[in-house]
Every structure is written in C-alpha cells, then in structure tokens.
Amino acid sequence: MLFNHTTGWRPLLLVVGCAAVLPAAAQDEPEAPGYPYLLDQVTSAKASAISEGDRRLGLSPGQDTKSNEVGLDVKPEWVWQLSPHWRSKLRLQAFAATGQVDVSDEIGGTETDGFFALREAWLDYNGLTGYPGESIRFGRERLKEDTGVWWDDDITLVRWIFDTTLLKTTVGIADKMSEARTDVNELAKEEQDIARAFASTQWQWRKHHYLTFLATHAERYGNDRDLAADSEGGTPERVTESLTWLGVRADQGYFDWHSRSPVQYLASFGAVAGEDARLNDSPGASNGYTREERDVTGWAADLGLRAQLLESPRWVVGAHGAMASGGSKPGESDAFRQTQMESNRSRFTGTRSQVARFGEAFQPEWSNLKVATVYTALTDRNWWAANLLYHKYWLADESGTVRSDLVEPGFTGTSDDLGESVDMVLGYYGSRTSGSWTSFDARIRAGVFFPGQAYGDDADSSRHRVVFDLTKRF
C-alpha cells in the first residue's frame, strides 16, 4: 500500500507547516537597528535650598559670609549608539542661584550664582577585541573611583577600560584643560598646565572581597611666567612640579549599599612623592613672587569597620580612623596632599547616600589631618536612607594648616584641636524610569561644625551648612 491514511498525513502536514511557518518566523526576526540611535535620554531638574554659616567663623568682623539661598540645577544627558562598536555621551548643566553658593558636592569648591557647563562629552570604542567589557574612551568624562578621595572629577582624558566580573582595570592620561563653565574664565593657577597619567586595578580575589591598586602621576609643563600675581587669581600658594601617588585598598564590598554582609571592612593606604614649589608674594621680585622648590614625601591611611545590626531594614554602625601626614622644613614637605581630582564624597556609610567623608559643614582637604568618625545608618537598600555621623578632627602637625572649601583657616598655632562636627544625611530615591510620578529624589544634607582651640577663643561656637534638594527626572 503506497499511502497509509493513518500515518501518511503526518509527514505531509509537517512539511506544509514548516513551509508556512518559515516566512512568518523570518518576518518576526528583529531587524538590525539603524545607526545612530538614541540609547538613553534623561533630564533632571533639581531645586535646592542652601543655608550656610560664616566661613570665617566670626574671625573677620564686618566680613561675614552667612547666606540663605535658593538654586535651580538642570542637567540633560544623552547616550547614543553610533555603530556596532561606537558609543557616545553628552551631559550638560545649567545652574542658577539667588546668590553666591558653593557647589563642592558637584564640581569642586567654587562659589557661584550661575553658569552653563559641559559636564561630559565622550566617544567610546569597544571593537578592540572580543571582550564585551573592553573599550577605549576619549573626551571629557566624570572620572570616579569608589572612595572619592582619589578621583571624582570632570576631566579631558583618553583611557583604556577593561571590565569583567573579577577584574576591573583602567589606564589613561588626562589634562584638566578647563572647567568648561561660563562663570570660570580659566583654571586656578595651581591647576593649570598639569598633565596626568592614571591607572587602577580592582581584583575580586574572593567573593565580595576586593583588592584595589591606584596610581596617579602629575607633571607640570607650563611656564613660570603664568604664575605671576594678577588681580583675579593672585599668587598660588603651592604648585605641582612632578608628583606621583600610589595607593592600595582592601575592602569587603564596603561601597555596595545592597550588601547583606554582617561585618564589612575597609583598609586603604596612600603615599605621594616628588617635587612641588611653594610660592610667596614678593613685590620686589621681577615676577612678583619668590619660589621655594620642595621635595614631597607624604602618606595617608583610612581604616573602617562596619557591623550590620538588622538586615531588613538594614541598620548598621561603623567607625573610621583616618590620618594624612603633615609637617615641613625648608626645601622639604612631609605633608600628604591629594590629586586635585578628588571630591571626598562617597557611599562609605553602607547606604545609597553620597556623604562627605570629612564632614558636610567642614569638608577639609585630606592633608595634615587626623579624623575619628563614628556613624550609624538605616536603609531599605533601594528607596530611602538615613545617616547620622560624628567626626572629631586634629592637626597632624600643629604648626601646619588645613585647606577647606568651606572654612578659612585662621589658626592660632597653639593647639592641634580642630574641632568636631555632626552630620545628618536623609534621602528618598524614586524610580529610575523618567516620566513616572515617582521618578524624583529628595535629600537633606545637614552638618554643624564646632571649631576647636586651633581657631582660638574668638571663633564662633558653631558653623552650619544645610542643603535640601528635590530632583525630578524627565
């Protein structure tokens, strides 16, 4: 029998079915996207209320700098896929305030009442090899590492990036050519004409345990004539000549706010060596200043330990001890100094909140400084966080000083007691999906600094800084 009615239809139906399905399947295949196309677009608008006490701590009668201002900050950004291997990002900023306010949490220690700025504009090429996490990037980018005490700045760079589960590495060169802001005509003199090379490697040697190595080299290539005093910039106090920083850090997911580890640690150590120059105003000199070349050797360390008391909501307590060397002699400085790319702001309390490492109302540079910190924090890991911190400060070298974006020195030279501060940082973090009614953040950063005996008996008893931000994403 040539044809079986019971089973013979099955192969025929299978062939006919396949013939009918194949065109439909071909039609369902996604078409290759046309290039370029927009990967992501978001605009954030932040309204802020900012209240600040006197930066001179009452030591300059008639020159108080108290302020209560309101600001509006708008940041649009776009990310494009230009081709299968090319990607780009553009981020802009427009800021306006009712008076002079500090924007140190964003850009770095300058007072302003408004500007337009180019924050980021870079190209990224990932066709070097078959690794999806490898690329080369060039342009203006926010270069950042977890602690914020090494790098957290917008800077023009070229860098190679290698990003895998167990190993993350970057190597590059950078130059802060400008602040790219309409209110800043040129960089501060101590930051001009400095070429930088940088590298970092983070190795996850065990689950949630990381070992990180960092290196930065800064070399000044400018002409000494550019350092002469003028009506705007004056004479810079210190100038980088050739400095190299090396750092090592070990931590147990210390900056991961999703962590559920009952105990977490952080141990970091850094050193700087090289040459800088100390400049002093000298009206009789041909260039307006005298120059003292100095050999620099300084070190800094930060040790932190955190314990989780409750898992849900996450409640933690932690303590840090940080020190940065100070001291100098003729032709020599033992003081540690930072890379001039730092923000000193990070998520070191175990929550999503970005917190000033050395105090919201003080914000000193990590140099010639000893700090003891204790904190507690409560968070649900995603939507809200509450942080309470206490800091106690000392000078590492009583005869030296400490630089700060928010407080002018005014030291008496008779005590190493810088004072203490208390911070409270509260945050609500809404949906990341723009357009949703919950896509907004609300944040309060409040700090009070109590000056110590290093400022003398005439200093104000306290100085506050309170910032309330409400951010909406569109």
Protein backbone atom coordinates (compact mmCIF):
# COMPACT_ATOMS: atom_id res chain seq x y z
CA MET A 1 0.00 0.00 0.00
CA LEU A 2 1.61 3.24 -1.16
CA PHE A 3 -0.20 5.54 1.23
CA ASN A 4 -1.29 4.96 4.84
CA HIS A 5 -4.30 7.14 5.78
CA THR A 6 -3.47 6.80 9.45
CA THR A 7 0.14 7.96 9.42
CA GLY A 8 0.79 9.22 5.92
CA TRP A 9 -0.65 12.69 6.51
CA ARG A 10 1.75 13.46 9.34
CA PRO A 11 4.92 13.96 7.25
CA LEU A 12 2.92 15.91 4.68
CA LEU A 13 1.39 18.18 7.31
CA LEU A 14 4.84 18.66 8.86
CA VAL A 15 6.32 19.78 5.54
CA VAL A 16 3.39 22.11 4.78
CA GLY A 17 3.51 23.53 8.34
CA CYS A 18 7.22 24.25 8.10
CA ALA A 19 6.75 25.93 4.75
CA ALA A 20 4.06 28.16 6.25
CA VAL A 21 5.94 28.93 9.46
CA LEU A 22 9.32 29.80 7.91
CA PRO A 23 8.19 33.07 6.26
CA ALA A 24 6.39 34.09 9.44
CA ALA A 25 9.47 33.33 11.52
CA ALA A 26 11.59 35.34 9.11
CA GLN A 27 9.22 38.25 9.50
CA ASP A 28 9.39 38.01 13.33
CA GLU A 29 13.19 38.31 13.40
CA PRO A 30 14.18 41.75 14.70
CA GLU A 31 15.68 43.99 12.12
CA ALA A 32 19.16 45.34 12.67
CA PRO A 33 18.87 48.84 14.15
CA GLY A 34 19.72 51.81 12.01
CA TYR A 35 22.65 53.85 13.26
CA PRO A 36 22.97 56.13 15.04
CA TYR A 37 20.14 55.65 17.52
CA LEU A 38 19.43 57.02 20.97
CA LEU A 39 20.18 54.57 23.79
CA ASP A 40 19.13 56.75 26.68
CA GLN A 41 17.92 60.28 27.33
CA VAL A 42 17.08 61.88 30.65
CA THR A 43 16.83 65.37 32.04
CA SER A 44 17.00 66.05 35.76
CA ALA A 45 15.86 69.31 37.35
CA LYS A 46 16.98 69.95 40.92
CA ALA A 47 15.65 72.71 43.16
CA SER A 48 17.81 73.42 46.22
CA ALA A 49 17.59 75.47 49.39
CA ILE A 50 21.03 76.19 50.85
CA SER A 51 21.79 77.72 54.24
CA GLU A 52 25.37 78.33 55.35
CA GLY A 53 27.11 79.85 58.36
CA ASP A 54 30.11 82.17 58.27
CA ARG A 55 33.14 80.62 56.55
CA ARG A 56 35.43 82.91 58.54
CA LEU A 57 33.95 81.65 61.83
CA GLY A 58 33.37 85.20 63.04
CA LEU A 59 37.11 85.98 62.96
CA SER A 60 36.71 88.79 60.39
CA PRO A 61 34.16 91.27 61.82
CA GLY A 62 32.21 93.04 59.11
CA GLN A 63 33.10 90.38 56.53
CA ASP A 64 30.63 87.65 57.44
CA THR A 65 29.77 85.19 54.68
CA LYS A 66 26.46 83.84 56.01
CA SER A 67 23.95 83.02 53.29
CA ASN A 68 20.48 81.60 52.70
CA GLU A 69 19.91 80.97 49.02
CA VAL A 70 17.80 79.01 46.56
CA GLY A 71 19.17 77.33 43.45
CA LEU A 72 17.94 75.54 40.33
CA ASP A 73 20.10 72.97 38.55
CA VAL A 74 19.13 71.36 35.21
CA LYS A 75 21.16 68.52 33.67
CA PRO A 76 20.15 66.97 30.34
CA GLU A 77 22.10 63.96 29.07
CA TRP A 78 22.04 61.73 26.01
CA VAL A 79 23.71 58.42 25.18
CA TRP A 80 23.89 57.31 21.52
CA GLN A 81 24.88 54.06 19.83
CA LEU A 82 26.67 55.38 16.78
CA SER A 83 27.57 52.00 15.27
CA PRO A 84 28.05 48.40 16.48
CA HIS A 85 31.29 49.44 18.22
CA TRP A 86 30.96 53.19 18.81
CA ARG A 87 29.01 54.86 21.62
CA SER A 88 28.88 58.47 22.82
CA LYS A 89 27.56 60.52 25.71
CA LEU A 90 26.77 64.20 26.16
CA ARG A 91 25.83 65.76 29.51
CA LEU A 92 25.20 69.46 30.03
CA GLN A 93 24.35 71.60 33.05
CA ALA A 94 22.63 74.92 33.71
CA PHE A 95 22.74 76.31 37.23
CA ALA A 96 21.29 79.49 38.75
CA ALA A 97 21.02 80.70 42.35
CA THR A 98 19.74 83.76 44.15
CA GLY A 99 23.26 84.45 45.50
CA GLN A 100 26.75 83.02 45.82
CA VAL A 101 26.63 79.35 46.85
CA ASP A 102 29.15 76.53 46.95
CA VAL A 103 28.77 73.59 44.57
CA SER A 104 31.55 71.44 46.04
CA ASP A 105 29.39 68.31 46.02
CA GLU A 106 29.15 68.57 42.23
CA ILE A 107 32.15 70.27 40.68
CA GLY A 108 34.67 71.25 43.27
CA GLY A 109 34.76 74.07 45.73
CA THR A 110 33.87 77.24 43.83
CA GLU A 111 31.25 79.81 44.78
CA THR A 112 28.88 80.91 42.05
CA ASP A 113 25.42 82.31 41.36
CA GLY A 114 25.02 80.64 37.96
CA PHE A 115 26.64 79.11 34.90
CA PHE A 116 26.26 76.87 31.87
CA ALA A 117 28.63 73.91 31.75
CA LEU A 118 29.73 70.98 29.63
CA ARG A 119 29.95 68.11 32.08
CA GLU A 120 30.66 65.16 29.78
CA ALA A 121 31.24 64.64 26.04
CA TRP A 122 32.99 61.42 25.11
CA LEU A 123 33.29 58.68 22.50
CA ASP A 124 33.78 55.01 23.38
CA TYR A 125 35.05 52.28 21.00
CA ASN A 126 34.68 48.62 22.05
CA GLY A 127 35.91 46.86 18.90
CA LEU A 128 39.47 46.32 20.12
CA THR A 129 38.92 42.63 21.00
CA GLY A 130 36.05 40.22 21.54
CA TYR A 131 35.73 41.10 25.24
CA PRO A 132 32.43 42.98 25.72
CA GLY A 133 33.85 44.89 28.71
CA GLU A 134 36.91 46.26 26.93
CA SER A 135 36.98 49.64 25.23
CA ILE A 136 38.92 52.84 24.70
CA ARG A 137 37.28 56.14 25.62
CA PHE A 138 38.29 59.71 24.91
CA GLY A 139 36.78 63.13 25.53
CA ARG A 140 35.51 64.82 28.69
CA GLU A 141 34.29 62.34 31.31
CA ARG A 142 33.49 62.04 35.01
CA LEU A 143 36.48 60.01 36.22
CA LYS A 144 35.48 58.41 39.53
CA GLU A 145 36.55 55.65 41.91
CA ASP A 146 34.62 54.32 44.89
CA THR A 147 36.16 56.32 47.75
CA GLY A 148 36.10 59.73 46.05
CA VAL A 149 39.39 60.62 47.81
CA TRP A 150 41.46 59.89 44.69
CA TRP A 151 39.34 60.67 41.62
CA ASP A 152 35.90 62.20 41.21
CA ASP A 153 36.09 64.98 38.65
CA ASP A 154 35.14 66.03 35.12
CA ILE A 155 38.33 65.96 33.07
CA THR A 156 39.55 65.60 29.48
CA LEU A 157 41.11 62.19 29.03
CA VAL A 158 41.96 59.16 26.94
CA ARG A 159 41.70 55.83 28.74
CA TRP A 160 41.58 52.09 28.17
CA ILE A 161 38.87 50.22 30.10
CA PHE A 162 38.76 46.51 30.93
CA ASP A 163 35.70 45.45 32.94
CA THR A 164 34.94 41.85 33.89
CA THR A 165 33.31 40.17 36.88
CA LEU A 166 36.57 39.54 38.73
CA LEU A 167 38.89 42.22 37.33
CA LYS A 168 38.35 45.90 36.52
CA THR A 169 41.21 47.94 35.11
CA THR A 170 41.70 51.34 33.54
CA VAL A 171 44.80 53.17 32.31
CA GLY A 172 44.88 56.62 30.77
CA ILE A 173 46.16 60.16 30.50
CA ALA A 174 44.26 63.33 31.38
CA ASP A 175 44.53 67.11 31.45
CA LYS A 176 42.15 69.48 33.18
CA MET A 177 42.17 71.96 30.30
CA SER A 178 39.28 73.97 31.67
CA GLU A 179 36.27 73.77 33.97
CA ALA A 180 34.08 74.13 30.85
CA ARG A 181 31.87 76.61 32.70
CA THR A 182 30.75 80.04 31.60
CA ASP A 183 31.48 81.57 35.02
CA VAL A 184 35.11 80.40 35.16
CA ASN A 185 37.35 82.08 32.60
CA GLU A 186 40.33 79.88 33.39
CA LEU A 187 41.51 77.25 35.83
CA ALA A 188 43.03 78.18 39.15
CA LYS A 189 46.74 78.74 38.58
CA GLU A 190 47.76 75.77 40.70
CA GLU A 191 45.72 73.51 38.40
CA GLN A 192 46.88 74.93 35.06
CA ASP A 193 49.19 73.11 32.64
CA ILE A 194 49.33 69.82 34.51
CA ALA A 195 49.41 66.55 32.56
CA ARG A 196 48.26 63.46 34.42
CA ALA A 197 48.68 59.72 33.95
CA PHE A 198 46.46 57.39 35.96
CA ALA A 199 45.75 53.69 36.44
CA SER A 200 43.65 51.50 38.69
CA THR A 201 43.03 47.77 39.03
CA GLN A 202 40.34 46.17 41.19
CA TRP A 203 40.56 42.41 41.71
CA GLN A 204 37.81 40.38 43.36
CA TRP A 205 40.11 37.76 44.87
CA ARG A 206 37.29 36.17 46.85
CA LYS A 207 33.52 36.63 46.70
CA HIS A 208 32.76 40.22 47.84
CA HIS A 209 36.41 40.80 48.84
CA TYR A 210 38.30 43.31 46.71
CA LEU A 211 41.89 44.42 46.36
CA THR A 212 42.44 47.71 44.54
CA PHE A 213 45.64 49.39 43.34
CA LEU A 214 45.72 53.01 42.19
CA ALA A 215 48.42 55.21 40.67
CA THR A 216 48.45 58.82 39.51
CA HIS A 217 51.28 60.97 38.20
CA ALA A 218 51.03 64.74 37.68
CA GLU A 219 53.63 66.71 35.74
CA ARG A 220 53.60 70.46 35.24
CA TYR A 221 54.55 71.65 31.75
CA GLY A 222 53.61 75.36 31.99
CA ASN A 223 55.82 78.43 32.02
CA ASP A 224 56.71 80.10 35.31
CA ARG A 225 55.56 83.45 33.91
CA ASP A 226 51.99 82.15 34.09
CA LEU A 227 52.25 82.00 37.89
CA ALA A 228 52.80 85.74 38.33
CA ALA A 229 50.28 87.50 40.56
CA ASP A 230 47.31 89.22 38.97
CA SER A 231 44.15 90.98 40.16
CA GLU A 232 41.96 87.87 39.77
CA GLY A 233 43.98 84.82 40.73
CA GLY A 234 46.74 86.23 42.92
CA THR A 235 49.75 84.01 43.54
CA PRO A 236 49.10 80.30 44.11
CA GLU A 237 50.33 79.06 47.47
CA ARG A 238 51.73 75.82 46.08
CA VAL A 239 52.40 74.50 42.60
CA THR A 240 52.75 70.90 41.44
CA GLU A 241 56.03 70.19 39.67
CA SER A 242 56.22 66.39 39.49
CA LEU A 243 54.21 64.27 41.92
CA THR A 244 53.38 60.56 41.99
CA TRP A 245 50.66 58.94 44.10
CA LEU A 246 50.41 55.22 44.84
CA GLY A 247 47.56 53.64 46.74
CA VAL A 248 46.28 50.24 47.81
CA ARG A 249 42.87 49.38 49.23
CA ALA A 250 41.28 46.21 50.61
CA ASP A 251 37.57 46.05 51.33
CA GLN A 252 34.62 43.70 51.62
CA GLY A 253 32.08 45.33 49.31
CA TYR A 254 32.28 48.41 51.53
CA PHE A 255 30.61 50.71 48.99
CA ASP A 256 27.85 48.27 47.95
CA TRP A 257 24.60 49.51 49.50
CA HIS A 258 22.86 46.25 48.54
CA SER A 259 25.24 44.22 50.70
CA ARG A 260 23.89 41.86 53.37
CA SER A 261 27.24 41.08 54.98
CA PRO A 262 27.07 41.16 58.80
CA VAL A 263 30.57 42.71 59.00
CA GLN A 264 32.45 44.78 56.41
CA TYR A 265 35.92 46.32 56.44
CA LEU A 266 37.91 48.95 54.57
CA ALA A 267 41.68 49.45 54.77
CA SER A 268 43.38 51.94 52.46
CA PHE A 269 46.86 53.39 52.34
CA GLY A 270 48.31 56.01 50.00
CA ALA A 271 51.61 57.81 49.53
CA VAL A 272 52.82 60.76 47.47
CA ALA A 273 56.37 61.61 46.46
CA GLY A 274 58.03 64.07 44.11
CA GLU A 275 58.52 67.80 43.89
CA ASP A 276 56.36 70.88 44.26
CA ALA A 277 57.01 74.59 44.69
CA ARG A 278 55.92 76.92 47.44
CA LEU A 279 55.30 80.50 46.24
CA ASN A 280 55.32 83.63 48.38
CA ASP A 281 54.28 87.13 47.30
CA SER A 282 57.33 89.37 46.84
CA PRO A 283 56.56 92.80 45.33
CA GLY A 284 60.29 93.43 44.85
CA ALA A 285 60.80 90.36 42.65
CA SER A 286 60.57 90.70 38.88
CA ASN A 287 57.76 88.15 38.64
CA GLY A 288 56.03 89.19 41.88
CA TYR A 289 56.89 86.13 43.98
CA THR A 290 59.69 84.07 45.46
CA ARG A 291 59.85 80.38 44.70
CA GLU A 292 60.91 77.56 47.02
CA GLU A 293 61.38 74.11 45.46
CA ARG A 294 60.41 71.31 47.85
CA ASP A 295 60.83 67.55 47.96
CA VAL A 296 57.50 65.97 48.88
CA THR A 297 57.00 62.70 50.78
CA GLY A 298 53.65 62.17 52.46
CA TRP A 299 51.31 59.35 53.38
CA ALA A 300 47.67 58.80 54.34
CA ALA A 301 45.61 55.91 55.71
CA ASP A 302 41.93 55.22 56.33
CA LEU A 303 40.62 52.24 58.30
CA GLY A 304 36.91 51.47 58.58
CA LEU A 305 34.77 48.74 60.12
CA ARG A 306 31.01 48.32 59.85
CA ALA A 307 28.60 45.94 61.56
CA GLN A 308 25.05 45.17 60.45
CA LEU A 309 22.63 45.04 63.38
CA LEU A 310 19.45 44.40 61.38
CA GLU A 311 19.04 43.05 57.86
CA SER A 312 15.62 44.43 56.91
CA PRO A 313 15.60 47.37 57.07
CA ARG A 314 19.37 47.41 57.08
CA TRP A 315 20.74 49.05 60.23
CA VAL A 316 24.49 49.45 60.52
CA VAL A 317 27.02 51.08 62.83
CA GLY A 318 30.55 51.90 61.77
CA ALA A 319 33.78 53.61 62.75
CA HIS A 320 36.68 55.09 60.79
CA GLY A 321 40.12 56.34 61.68
CA ALA A 322 41.86 58.45 59.02
CA MET A 323 45.18 60.24 59.03
CA ALA A 324 47.15 62.25 56.48
CA SER A 325 50.69 63.31 57.30
CA GLY A 326 51.76 66.91 57.83
CA GLY A 327 54.95 68.83 58.52
CA SER A 328 57.54 70.72 56.52
CA LYS A 329 61.07 72.06 56.67
CA PRO A 330 62.99 74.36 54.32
CA GLY A 331 63.05 72.64 50.95
CA GLU A 332 61.03 69.67 52.17
CA SER A 333 57.37 68.78 52.84
CA ASP A 334 56.18 65.71 54.69
CA ALA A 335 52.52 66.58 54.17
CA PHE A 336 50.29 64.29 52.16
CA ARG A 337 48.29 66.10 49.50
CA GLN A 338 45.51 64.86 47.27
CA THR A 339 45.46 64.56 43.49
CA GLN A 340 43.27 67.67 42.84
CA MET A 341 40.74 65.33 41.20
CA GLU A 342 39.03 64.27 44.44
CA SER A 343 35.58 65.09 45.82
CA ASN A 344 35.93 63.31 49.21
CA ARG A 345 32.32 62.20 48.78
CA SER A 346 31.21 58.56 48.59
CA ARG A 347 28.80 55.90 49.85
CA PHE A 348 31.00 54.87 52.76
CA THR A 349 28.11 54.55 55.26
CA GLY A 350 26.69 51.45 53.57
CA THR A 351 23.68 53.23 52.06
CA ARG A 352 22.84 54.78 48.72
CA SER A 353 23.58 58.27 50.09
CA GLN A 354 26.64 60.16 48.89
CA VAL A 355 28.17 61.58 52.08
CA ALA A 356 31.10 63.96 52.59
CA ARG A 357 33.87 61.80 54.05
CA PHE A 358 35.20 64.51 56.40
CA GLY A 359 32.05 66.45 57.27
CA GLU A 360 29.33 68.31 55.40
CA ALA A 361 29.98 71.69 57.07
CA PHE A 362 33.81 71.48 57.13
CA GLN A 363 34.96 69.48 54.05
CA PRO A 364 38.73 69.76 54.60
CA GLU A 365 41.36 68.50 52.23
CA TRP A 366 42.87 65.20 53.37
CA SER A 367 46.22 66.69 54.35
CA ASN A 368 47.86 67.34 57.75
CA LEU A 369 44.72 65.88 59.27
CA LYS A 370 43.61 63.24 61.75
CA VAL A 371 39.91 62.30 61.86
CA ALA A 372 37.94 59.89 64.04
CA THR A 373 34.47 59.08 62.69
CA VAL A 374 31.56 57.06 64.04
CA TYR A 375 28.25 56.66 62.26
CA THR A 376 25.01 54.77 62.11
CA ALA A 377 22.69 54.33 59.13
CA LEU A 378 19.28 52.83 58.37
CA THR A 379 18.10 51.94 54.86
CA ASP A 380 15.87 49.64 52.83
CA ARG A 381 18.75 49.49 50.28
CA ASN A 382 16.73 50.95 47.40
CA TRP A 383 14.23 53.68 48.21
CA TRP A 384 15.34 55.54 51.33
CA ALA A 385 18.32 56.02 53.63
CA ALA A 386 19.10 57.86 56.87
CA ASN A 387 22.68 58.56 58.02
CA LEU A 388 23.97 60.11 61.25
CA LEU A 389 27.71 60.83 61.65
CA TYR A 390 30.10 62.33 64.19
CA HIS A 391 33.65 63.49 63.34
CA LYS A 392 36.49 64.64 65.60
CA TYR A 393 39.44 66.49 63.97
CA TRP A 394 43.06 67.19 64.89
CA LEU A 395 46.01 68.71 63.06
CA ALA A 396 48.70 66.14 62.34
CA ASP A 397 51.28 68.94 62.63
CA GLU A 398 50.30 71.74 64.98
CA SER A 399 52.42 74.30 63.13
CA GLY A 400 50.77 73.50 59.80
CA THR A 401 47.34 74.25 58.41
CA VAL A 402 44.39 72.57 56.70
CA ARG A 403 42.77 73.68 53.46
CA SER A 404 38.99 73.58 53.17
CA ASP A 405 36.42 74.55 50.54
CA LEU A 406 34.06 75.82 53.23
CA VAL A 407 36.10 77.11 56.19
CA GLU A 408 39.01 79.55 56.07
CA PRO A 409 41.95 78.57 58.33
CA GLY A 410 42.65 81.34 60.86
CA PHE A 411 44.73 79.04 63.09
CA THR A 412 46.40 80.32 66.26
CA GLY A 413 49.25 77.79 66.19
CA THR A 414 48.77 76.93 69.87
CA SER A 415 46.67 73.75 69.60
CA ASP A 416 46.12 70.76 67.33
CA ASP A 417 42.39 70.61 68.23
CA LEU A 418 40.48 71.47 65.02
CA GLY A 419 37.07 70.70 66.48
CA GLU A 420 34.22 68.32 65.79
CA SER A 421 31.15 68.02 63.60
CA VAL A 422 27.81 66.24 63.38
CA ASP A 423 26.13 65.36 60.06
CA MET A 424 22.70 64.06 59.15
CA VAL A 425 22.01 62.91 55.59
CA LEU A 426 18.49 61.77 54.67
CA GLY A 427 17.43 60.61 51.23
CA TYR A 428 14.46 59.27 49.28
CA TYR A 429 15.36 57.78 45.89
CA GLY A 430 12.49 57.38 43.46
CA SER A 431 12.04 55.36 40.31
CA ARG A 432 14.86 55.49 37.76
CA THR A 433 12.24 55.45 34.99
CA SER A 434 11.86 59.02 33.78
CA GLY A 435 8.32 60.26 33.30
CA SER A 436 6.90 58.27 36.21
CA TRP A 437 5.37 60.31 39.04
CA THR A 438 7.75 58.53 41.44
CA SER A 439 10.86 59.47 39.40
CA PHE A 440 12.13 62.06 41.86
CA ASP A 441 14.67 62.21 44.67
CA ALA A 442 14.51 64.18 47.91
CA ARG A 443 17.62 64.71 50.02
CA ILE A 444 18.69 66.66 53.10
CA ARG A 445 22.37 67.13 53.94
CA ALA A 446 22.79 68.93 57.24
CA GLY A 447 26.07 69.47 59.05
CA VAL A 448 27.28 71.51 62.03
CA PHE A 449 30.98 72.21 62.62
CA PHE A 450 32.18 73.16 66.11
CA PRO A 451 35.62 74.85 65.87
CA GLY A 452 38.30 73.72 68.31
CA GLN A 453 41.11 75.51 70.11
CA ALA A 454 43.19 75.70 66.93
CA TYR A 455 40.91 78.59 65.89
CA GLY A 456 41.29 80.45 69.18
CA ASP A 457 38.75 81.65 71.72
CA ASP A 458 37.25 84.34 69.44
CA ALA A 459 35.90 81.92 66.82
CA ASP A 460 32.17 81.26 66.58
CA SER A 461 30.96 78.33 68.62
CA SER A 462 29.49 76.62 65.53
CA ARG A 463 29.06 76.80 61.77
CA HIS A 464 26.24 75.08 59.88
CA ARG A 465 25.58 74.00 56.31
CA VAL A 466 22.17 72.65 55.33
CA VAL A 467 21.17 71.71 51.79
CA PHE A 468 17.72 70.47 50.79
CA ASP A 469 17.46 69.06 47.25
CA LEU A 470 14.38 67.99 45.32
CA THR A 471 15.23 66.37 41.98
CA LYS A 472 12.77 65.35 39.25
CA ARG A 473 13.73 63.25 36.20
CA PHE A 474 12.01 63.74 32.85
